[in-house]
C-alpha cells in the first residue's frame, strides 16, 4: 500500500482536481464573501451566513488575503476554536 500525505498537498492529484472545480466559481465566491466581511464577523460566521461549511471557503480567504483585498484584524473564539476576523482593505 502506497501511503501519501494529502495534508496541505499543493501538487498532489486530488489538489489539482479540486482546484479545477473551484477555479470556475472562485471569483464569484470572493464577491459573496467580500459583501459579508465587516471586521466583526469571523470566517466561521461568514461561512454560516453563506450556508457553507468553513472548509469550503477557507481557501477563498487565503486567496483574497494574498491579493490584498482583505487583512486579518483579529480572531474570535467560538466554542473551543479560534476563527479569523478580516476587514476589507482600501484598495
Protein backbone atom coordinates (compact mmCIF):
# COMPACT_ATOMS: atom_id res chain seq x y z
CA UNK A 1 0.00 0.00 0.00
CA UNK A 2 1.33 3.39 -1.01
CA UNK A 3 0.95 5.98 1.75
CA UNK A 4 0.61 9.56 0.62
CA UNK A 5 0.21 12.63 2.80
CA UNK A 6 -2.66 14.77 1.48
CA UNK A 7 -2.46 17.40 4.21
CA UNK A 8 -1.67 20.76 2.68
CA UNK A 9 -0.79 18.95 -0.56
CA UNK A 10 -0.45 21.63 -3.19
CA UNK A 11 0.66 19.43 -6.05
CA UNK A 12 -0.96 16.07 -5.47
CA UNK A 13 -3.60 14.85 -7.92
CA UNK A 14 -6.53 15.43 -5.51
CA UNK A 15 -5.49 19.05 -5.02
CA UNK A 16 -5.18 19.61 -8.76
CA UNK A 17 -8.64 18.16 -9.43
CA UNK A 18 -10.18 20.19 -6.60
CA UNK A 19 -8.59 23.40 -7.89
CA UNK A 20 -10.02 22.83 -11.37
CA UNK A 21 -13.50 22.55 -9.85
CA UNK A 22 -13.11 25.68 -7.72
CA UNK A 23 -11.42 27.78 -10.40
CA UNK A 24 -14.71 28.29 -12.25
CA UNK A 25 -16.59 29.85 -9.31
CA UNK A 26 -13.74 31.30 -7.26
CA UNK A 27 -14.12 34.97 -8.15
CA UNK A 28 -17.90 34.97 -7.72
CA UNK A 29 -17.36 33.44 -4.27
CA UNK A 30 -14.85 36.20 -3.48
CA UNK A 31 -17.59 38.76 -4.16
CA UNK A 32 -20.10 36.94 -1.95
CA UNK A 33 -17.58 36.74 0.87
CA UNK A 34 -16.42 40.35 0.47
CA UNK A 35 -20.01 41.55 0.91
CA UNK A 36 -20.02 39.89 4.34
CA UNK A 37 -16.53 40.89 5.52
CA UNK A 38 -17.14 43.68 8.04
CA UNK A 39 -14.35 43.48 10.60
CA UNK A 40 -16.77 41.94 13.12
CA UNK A 41 -17.79 38.56 11.72
CA UNK A 42 -15.46 35.59 11.88
CA UNK A 43 -14.74 33.31 8.97
CA UNK A 44 -16.99 30.72 10.61
CA UNK A 45 -19.89 33.18 10.89
CA UNK A 46 -19.46 34.18 7.24
CA UNK A 47 -19.50 30.51 6.23
CA UNK A 48 -22.71 30.06 8.23
CA UNK A 49 -24.27 33.12 6.57
CA UNK A 50 -23.46 31.57 3.18
CA UNK A 51 -24.81 28.19 4.25
CA UNK A 52 -21.45 26.53 3.64
CA UNK A 53 -19.03 24.60 5.84
CA UNK A 54 -15.89 26.57 6.68
CA UNK A 55 -13.63 24.22 4.72
CA UNK A 56 -15.49 25.15 1.51
CA UNK A 57 -14.50 28.83 1.77
CA UNK A 58 -11.32 28.97 3.87
CA UNK A 59 -9.19 28.90 0.73
CA UNK A 60 -11.01 31.94 -0.63
CA UNK A 61 -9.95 33.96 2.45
CA UNK A 62 -6.34 32.89 1.84
CA UNK A 63 -6.57 33.94 -1.82
CA UNK A 64 -8.16 37.31 -1.02
CA UNK A 65 -5.56 37.96 1.68
CA UNK A 66 -2.77 37.20 -0.82
CA UNK A 67 -4.37 39.63 -3.29
CA UNK A 68 -4.54 42.30 -0.56
CA UNK A 69 -8.35 42.51 -0.74
CA UNK A 70 -8.66 41.78 3.00
CA UNK A 71 -6.46 41.86 6.08
CA UNK A 72 -6.81 39.90 9.28
CA UNK A 73 -7.69 42.27 12.11
CA UNK A 74 -8.38 39.79 14.87
CA UNK A 75 -9.65 36.43 15.96
CA UNK A 76 -12.86 35.28 17.55
CA UNK A 77 -13.29 32.28 19.80
CA UNK A 78 -16.36 30.21 19.06
CA UNK A 79 -16.66 27.18 21.28
CA UNK A 80 -13.18 25.70 21.59
CA UNK A 81 -12.00 27.03 18.22
CA UNK A 82 -10.44 30.30 17.09
CA UNK A 83 -11.52 31.86 13.80
CA UNK A 84 -10.02 34.81 11.93
CA UNK A 85 -11.78 38.15 11.58
CA UNK A 86 -10.99 40.13 8.42
CA UNK A 87 -11.52 43.69 7.24
CA UNK A 88 -11.59 44.89 3.64
CA UNK A 89 -8.57 46.85 2.51
CA UNK A 90 -8.97 50.25 0.88
CA UNK A 91 -7.70 49.02 -2.49
